[in-house]
Amino acid sequence: MLVSAKEMLNKAKAGKYAVGQFNINNLEWTKAVLLTAQENNSPVILGVSEGAGKYMCGYKTIVGMVNGMIEELNITVPVALHLDHGSYNGALACIEAGFSSIMFDGSHYPIEENIQKTKELIAIAEAKGISVEAEVGAIGGEEDGVVGNGEVADPEECKMIADLGVTMLAAGIGNIHGKYPENWAGLNFEVLAKIQELTGTMPLVLHGGTGIPAEMIQKAISLGVSKINVNTECQLAFAAATREYVEAGKDLKGKGFDPRKLLAPGFEAIKATVKEKMELFGSINKA
């Protein structure tokens, strides 16, 4: 059964570890993440972007698949199904479809409008026991061409959004989506410490977890980051393992073309990547 991300993240914040949000793209991805969480007794958040939602035939299809897997695979660790970088309408659609957590990304709106829309969604989600993530200050990445320093949020704005009663808060601290450029300046821990000071016990979220050095991740967790999003890294691992299988000609031997065989190395690569992240984040045996 799906749960809200609230309890798992409050426990993570208090225990100074982080829960990974692993974005899912299809059945293999979902199964790999769920099994790895179960095997390592770790809570987990399955992230779905609006693009991935369309690709997987809509939010209801995803809810059906995830609920079915939790039951069939006997998954007993806490699992949240979360909309990643949702629009206002996307968030409403996911609440309706049966997601247990949503992110409303109002960071591109003026702060007043971000506050208004966030408030409305909190009221709707809270009534259904669904957790809400909000975002302040755009996070850098290829989508907006900002490189170097990444995007850094204003701690005072973070406090304004946190005070609305969101479950968790994503704030830019120099992080970037996708691969990090050569000239990246690193995470801004001064800003993170200030945000943590103003938002208190609220779990903070780090987007763009792929490619941030391990010691920076650990320092961010010590300063209140309780949820870390991973997507690109799993995609790269899946692609590399699949390429290796095909380049070795294994798809041409026997029934090697069967999708169950063709996708198996990539599936195992996702599992290995997820486990590595859970170890780094400290969430193993915290279910």
Protein backbone atom coordinates (compact mmCIF):
# COMPACT_ATOMS: atom_id res chain seq x y z
CA MET A 1 0.00 0.00 0.00
CA LEU A 2 1.28 3.44 -0.94
CA VAL A 3 2.03 5.89 1.86
CA SER A 4 2.61 9.62 1.98
CA ALA A 5 6.27 10.69 2.16
CA LYS A 6 5.65 12.65 5.35
CA GLU A 7 6.49 10.09 8.02
CA MET A 8 9.50 8.59 6.20
CA LEU A 9 11.01 12.05 5.64
CA ASN A 10 10.36 13.31 9.16
CA LYS A 11 12.12 10.17 10.46
CA ALA A 12 14.98 10.74 8.02
CA LYS A 13 15.37 14.37 9.09
CA ALA A 14 15.43 13.39 12.77
CA GLY A 15 17.81 10.49 12.09
CA LYS A 16 20.15 12.48 9.83
CA TYR A 17 19.83 10.28 6.75
CA ALA A 18 18.02 10.79 3.45
CA VAL A 19 15.43 8.81 1.49
CA GLY A 20 16.10 8.46 -2.23
CA GLN A 21 13.55 9.45 -4.83
CA PHE A 22 14.24 7.29 -7.86
CA ASN A 23 12.42 8.32 -11.02
CA ILE A 24 10.67 5.50 -12.85
CA ASN A 25 10.26 5.19 -16.61
CA ASN A 26 8.68 1.78 -17.21
CA LEU A 27 7.93 -1.61 -15.65
CA GLU A 28 11.60 -2.67 -15.37
CA TRP A 29 12.53 0.55 -13.62
CA THR A 30 9.69 0.31 -11.13
CA LYS A 31 10.34 -3.34 -10.33
CA ALA A 32 14.09 -2.73 -9.92
CA VAL A 33 13.58 0.14 -7.47
CA LEU A 34 10.92 -1.66 -5.41
CA LEU A 35 12.90 -4.89 -5.13
CA THR A 36 16.08 -3.05 -4.14
CA ALA A 37 14.19 -1.14 -1.44
CA GLN A 38 12.72 -4.37 -0.08
CA GLU A 39 16.05 -6.24 -0.17
CA ASN A 40 17.74 -3.42 1.73
CA ASN A 41 14.85 -2.69 4.09
CA SER A 42 14.81 0.93 2.97
CA PRO A 43 11.92 3.36 2.56
CA VAL A 44 11.69 4.65 -1.01
CA ILE A 45 10.01 7.31 -3.15
CA LEU A 46 9.12 6.54 -6.76
CA GLY A 47 9.29 9.74 -8.80
CA VAL A 48 7.23 10.32 -11.94
CA SER A 49 7.74 13.38 -14.12
CA GLU A 50 4.84 14.61 -16.25
CA GLY A 51 6.73 13.46 -19.36
CA ALA A 52 7.25 9.96 -17.93
CA GLY A 53 3.58 9.99 -16.91
CA LYS A 54 2.54 10.49 -20.53
CA TYR A 55 5.05 7.91 -21.72
CA MET A 56 3.65 5.28 -19.32
CA CYS A 57 0.06 5.90 -20.54
CA GLY A 58 -1.12 8.24 -17.81
CA TYR A 59 -1.19 8.44 -14.03
CA LYS A 60 -3.91 5.83 -13.51
CA THR A 61 -1.85 3.26 -15.43
CA ILE A 62 1.13 4.00 -13.18
CA VAL A 63 -0.91 3.79 -9.96
CA GLY A 64 -2.31 0.43 -11.10
CA MET A 65 1.15 -0.91 -11.96
CA VAL A 66 2.78 0.25 -8.72
CA ASN A 67 -0.05 -0.99 -6.48
CA GLY A 68 -0.05 -4.32 -8.31
CA MET A 69 3.70 -4.73 -7.86
CA ILE A 70 3.61 -3.84 -4.16
CA GLU A 71 1.07 -6.63 -3.68
CA GLU A 72 2.56 -9.25 -6.04
CA LEU A 73 6.17 -8.72 -4.92
CA ASN A 74 5.18 -8.57 -1.22
CA ILE A 75 6.76 -5.16 -0.73
CA THR A 76 6.45 -4.24 2.96
CA VAL A 77 8.79 -1.22 3.15
CA PRO A 78 7.19 2.25 2.97
CA VAL A 79 6.71 3.34 -0.67
CA ALA A 80 5.53 6.78 -1.77
CA LEU A 81 4.47 7.47 -5.37
CA HIS A 82 5.41 11.06 -6.09
CA LEU A 83 4.80 13.51 -8.94
CA ASP A 84 8.13 15.18 -9.79
CA HIS A 85 8.14 18.85 -10.90
CA GLY A 86 4.39 18.91 -11.32
CA SER A 87 2.33 21.71 -12.79
CA TYR A 88 -0.80 22.82 -10.92
CA ASN A 89 -3.06 20.72 -13.18
CA GLY A 90 -0.62 17.80 -13.15
CA ALA A 91 -0.71 17.80 -9.35
CA LEU A 92 -4.52 17.74 -9.35
CA ALA A 93 -4.54 14.86 -11.85
CA CYS A 94 -2.12 12.81 -9.71
CA ILE A 95 -4.15 13.41 -6.54
CA GLU A 96 -7.18 12.20 -8.47
CA ALA A 97 -5.36 9.13 -9.87
CA GLY A 98 -4.18 7.89 -6.47
CA PHE A 99 -0.60 9.16 -6.06
CA SER A 100 0.44 9.41 -2.40
CA SER A 101 2.69 12.45 -2.81
CA ILE A 102 2.98 15.41 -5.19
CA MET A 103 5.44 18.11 -6.03
CA PHE A 104 4.10 21.42 -7.22
CA ASP A 105 6.89 23.33 -8.92
CA GLY A 106 5.77 26.94 -8.76
CA SER A 107 9.35 28.23 -8.78
CA HIS A 108 8.88 29.99 -12.14
CA TYR A 109 5.90 32.00 -10.85
CA PRO A 110 6.27 35.27 -8.91
CA ILE A 111 6.53 34.34 -5.20
CA GLU A 112 2.96 35.56 -4.42
CA GLU A 113 1.46 33.31 -7.10
CA ASN A 114 3.66 30.38 -6.06
CA ILE A 115 2.35 30.84 -2.49
CA GLN A 116 -1.29 31.06 -3.59
CA LYS A 117 -1.19 27.95 -5.77
CA THR A 118 0.85 25.98 -3.22
CA LYS A 119 -1.72 26.85 -0.52
CA GLU A 120 -4.60 25.59 -2.66
CA LEU A 121 -2.87 22.30 -3.39
CA ILE A 122 -1.90 21.77 0.27
CA ALA A 123 -5.55 22.11 1.29
CA ILE A 124 -6.67 19.52 -1.29
CA ALA A 125 -3.79 17.11 -0.63
CA GLU A 126 -3.93 17.31 3.18
CA ALA A 127 -7.58 16.28 3.20
CA LYS A 128 -6.51 13.06 1.46
CA GLY A 129 -3.35 12.43 3.48
CA ILE A 130 -1.06 13.20 0.53
CA SER A 131 2.35 14.83 1.06
CA VAL A 132 3.30 17.99 -0.81
CA GLU A 133 6.72 19.18 -1.98
CA ALA A 134 7.17 22.79 -3.04
CA GLU A 135 10.08 24.44 -4.78
CA VAL A 136 11.68 27.83 -4.30
CA GLY A 137 14.06 29.41 -6.79
CA ALA A 138 14.67 27.53 -10.01
CA ILE A 139 17.23 24.74 -9.89
CA GLY A 140 19.85 24.90 -12.63
CA GLY A 141 20.05 22.45 -15.47
CA GLU A 142 19.98 21.93 -19.17
CA GLU A 143 16.32 22.96 -19.33
CA ASP A 144 17.22 26.57 -18.68
CA GLY A 145 20.83 26.66 -19.79
CA VAL A 146 22.14 27.96 -16.45
CA VAL A 147 25.56 26.52 -15.66
CA GLY A 148 28.49 27.24 -13.36
CA ASN A 149 26.90 28.16 -10.07
CA GLY A 150 23.58 26.42 -10.63
CA GLU A 151 20.59 28.13 -9.03
CA VAL A 152 20.51 29.38 -5.48
CA ALA A 153 17.30 30.04 -3.54
CA ASP A 154 16.53 32.94 -1.21
CA PRO A 155 16.31 31.57 2.37
CA GLU A 156 13.60 34.14 3.30
CA GLU A 157 11.42 32.94 0.40
CA CYS A 158 12.04 29.37 1.54
CA LYS A 159 10.67 30.27 4.96
CA MET A 160 7.57 31.85 3.40
CA ILE A 161 6.78 28.66 1.49
CA ALA A 162 7.71 26.36 4.41
CA ASP A 163 5.29 28.27 6.65
CA LEU A 164 2.38 27.34 4.38
CA GLY A 165 2.59 23.80 5.75
CA VAL A 166 4.26 21.92 2.90
CA THR A 167 5.68 18.51 3.81
CA MET A 168 9.09 19.05 2.23
CA LEU A 169 10.90 21.85 0.48
CA ALA A 170 13.16 21.81 -2.60
CA ALA A 171 15.52 24.75 -2.61
CA GLY A 172 18.30 25.46 -5.07
CA ILE A 173 21.72 25.38 -3.40
CA GLY A 174 23.82 25.33 -6.56
CA ASN A 175 22.55 21.96 -7.77
CA ILE A 176 21.81 21.20 -11.42
CA HIS A 177 19.66 18.66 -13.26
CA GLY A 178 21.46 16.27 -15.60
CA LYS A 179 25.24 16.05 -15.93
CA TYR A 180 27.31 18.65 -14.07
CA PRO A 181 29.45 20.97 -16.23
CA GLU A 182 33.25 21.19 -15.83
CA ASN A 183 32.97 24.69 -14.34
CA TRP A 184 30.42 23.77 -11.64
CA ALA A 185 31.10 25.68 -8.42
CA GLY A 186 29.73 22.99 -6.05
CA LEU A 187 26.92 23.08 -3.52
CA ASN A 188 26.43 26.27 -1.51
CA PHE A 189 26.44 25.06 2.09
CA GLU A 190 26.17 28.57 3.56
CA VAL A 191 22.79 29.03 1.89
CA LEU A 192 21.73 25.52 2.90
CA ALA A 193 22.63 26.19 6.55
CA LYS A 194 20.63 29.44 6.45
CA ILE A 195 17.60 27.70 4.88
CA GLN A 196 17.80 24.95 7.52
CA GLU A 197 18.00 27.58 10.28
CA LEU A 198 14.83 29.31 9.02
CA THR A 199 12.79 26.19 8.19
CA GLY A 200 13.63 24.13 11.28
CA THR A 201 12.39 20.55 11.23
CA MET A 202 11.12 20.64 7.65
CA PRO A 203 12.73 17.98 5.43
CA LEU A 204 14.74 19.63 2.65
CA VAL A 205 15.03 18.14 -0.85
CA LEU A 206 18.08 18.01 -3.08
CA HIS A 207 17.29 17.77 -6.80
CA GLY A 208 19.88 16.78 -9.38
CA GLY A 209 21.52 14.13 -7.19
CA THR A 210 23.45 12.60 -10.10
CA GLY A 211 27.09 13.60 -10.17
CA ILE A 212 27.34 15.39 -6.82
CA PRO A 213 30.43 14.02 -5.00
CA ALA A 214 29.68 11.67 -2.08
CA GLU A 215 31.20 13.94 0.58
CA MET A 216 29.02 16.86 -0.58
CA ILE A 217 25.93 14.62 -0.39
CA GLN A 218 26.85 13.57 3.15
CA LYS A 219 27.44 17.17 4.21
CA ALA A 220 24.07 18.20 2.70
CA ILE A 221 22.35 15.42 4.70
CA SER A 222 24.05 16.63 7.90
CA LEU A 223 22.56 20.09 7.15
CA GLY A 224 18.97 18.90 6.88
CA VAL A 225 18.57 17.38 3.41
CA SER A 226 16.24 14.38 3.87
CA LYS A 227 15.21 13.57 0.29
CA ILE A 228 17.55 13.24 -2.68
CA ASN A 229 16.35 12.82 -6.26
CA VAL A 230 18.19 10.43 -8.58
CA ASN A 231 17.27 9.95 -12.22
CA THR A 232 20.08 10.47 -14.74
CA GLU A 233 22.43 8.02 -12.99
CA CYS A 234 19.98 5.11 -13.30
CA GLN A 235 19.41 5.97 -16.96
CA LEU A 236 23.15 6.00 -17.69
CA ALA A 237 23.67 2.68 -15.87
CA PHE A 238 20.76 1.07 -17.76
CA ALA A 239 22.02 2.35 -21.12
CA ALA A 240 25.62 1.21 -20.51
CA ALA A 241 24.59 -2.33 -19.48
CA THR A 242 22.21 -2.65 -22.44
CA ARG A 243 24.89 -1.40 -24.86
CA GLU A 244 27.37 -3.95 -23.50
CA TYR A 245 24.88 -6.80 -23.98
CA VAL A 246 24.14 -5.82 -27.58
CA GLU A 247 27.76 -5.05 -28.50
CA ALA A 248 28.77 -8.49 -27.19
CA GLY A 249 26.24 -9.93 -29.67
CA LYS A 250 24.27 -11.64 -26.90
CA ASP A 251 20.96 -10.61 -28.47
CA LEU A 252 21.88 -12.74 -31.51
CA LYS A 253 22.54 -15.94 -29.53
CA GLY A 254 19.63 -18.31 -28.83
CA LYS A 255 16.68 -16.38 -27.45
CA GLY A 256 18.87 -13.43 -26.49
CA PHE A 257 16.50 -11.08 -28.33
CA ASP A 258 13.68 -11.86 -25.86
CA PRO A 259 12.99 -8.55 -24.07
CA ARG A 260 13.20 -10.35 -20.72
CA LYS A 261 16.80 -11.26 -21.57
CA LEU A 262 17.64 -8.11 -23.48
CA LEU A 263 16.56 -5.82 -20.63
CA ALA A 264 17.89 -7.96 -17.76
CA PRO A 265 21.44 -6.49 -17.62
CA GLY A 266 20.04 -2.95 -17.56
CA PHE A 267 17.55 -3.97 -14.87
CA GLU A 268 20.41 -5.34 -12.71
CA ALA A 269 22.40 -2.15 -13.34
CA ILE A 270 19.52 -0.02 -12.02
CA LYS A 271 19.31 -2.23 -8.92
CA ALA A 272 23.05 -1.85 -8.28
CA THR A 273 22.87 1.95 -8.73
CA VAL A 274 19.87 2.27 -6.39
CA LYS A 275 21.58 0.15 -3.72
CA GLU A 276 24.73 2.26 -3.94
CA LYS A 277 22.66 5.42 -3.45
CA MET A 278 20.73 3.95 -0.51
CA GLU A 279 24.07 3.14 1.15
CA LEU A 280 25.32 6.68 0.55
CA PHE A 281 22.07 8.26 1.78
CA GLY A 282 22.01 6.08 4.93
CA SER A 283 18.47 4.74 4.38
CA ILE A 284 19.31 1.00 4.52
CA ASN A 285 17.49 -0.78 7.36
CA LYS A 286 15.49 2.36 8.13
CA ALA A 287 12.14 1.03 6.83
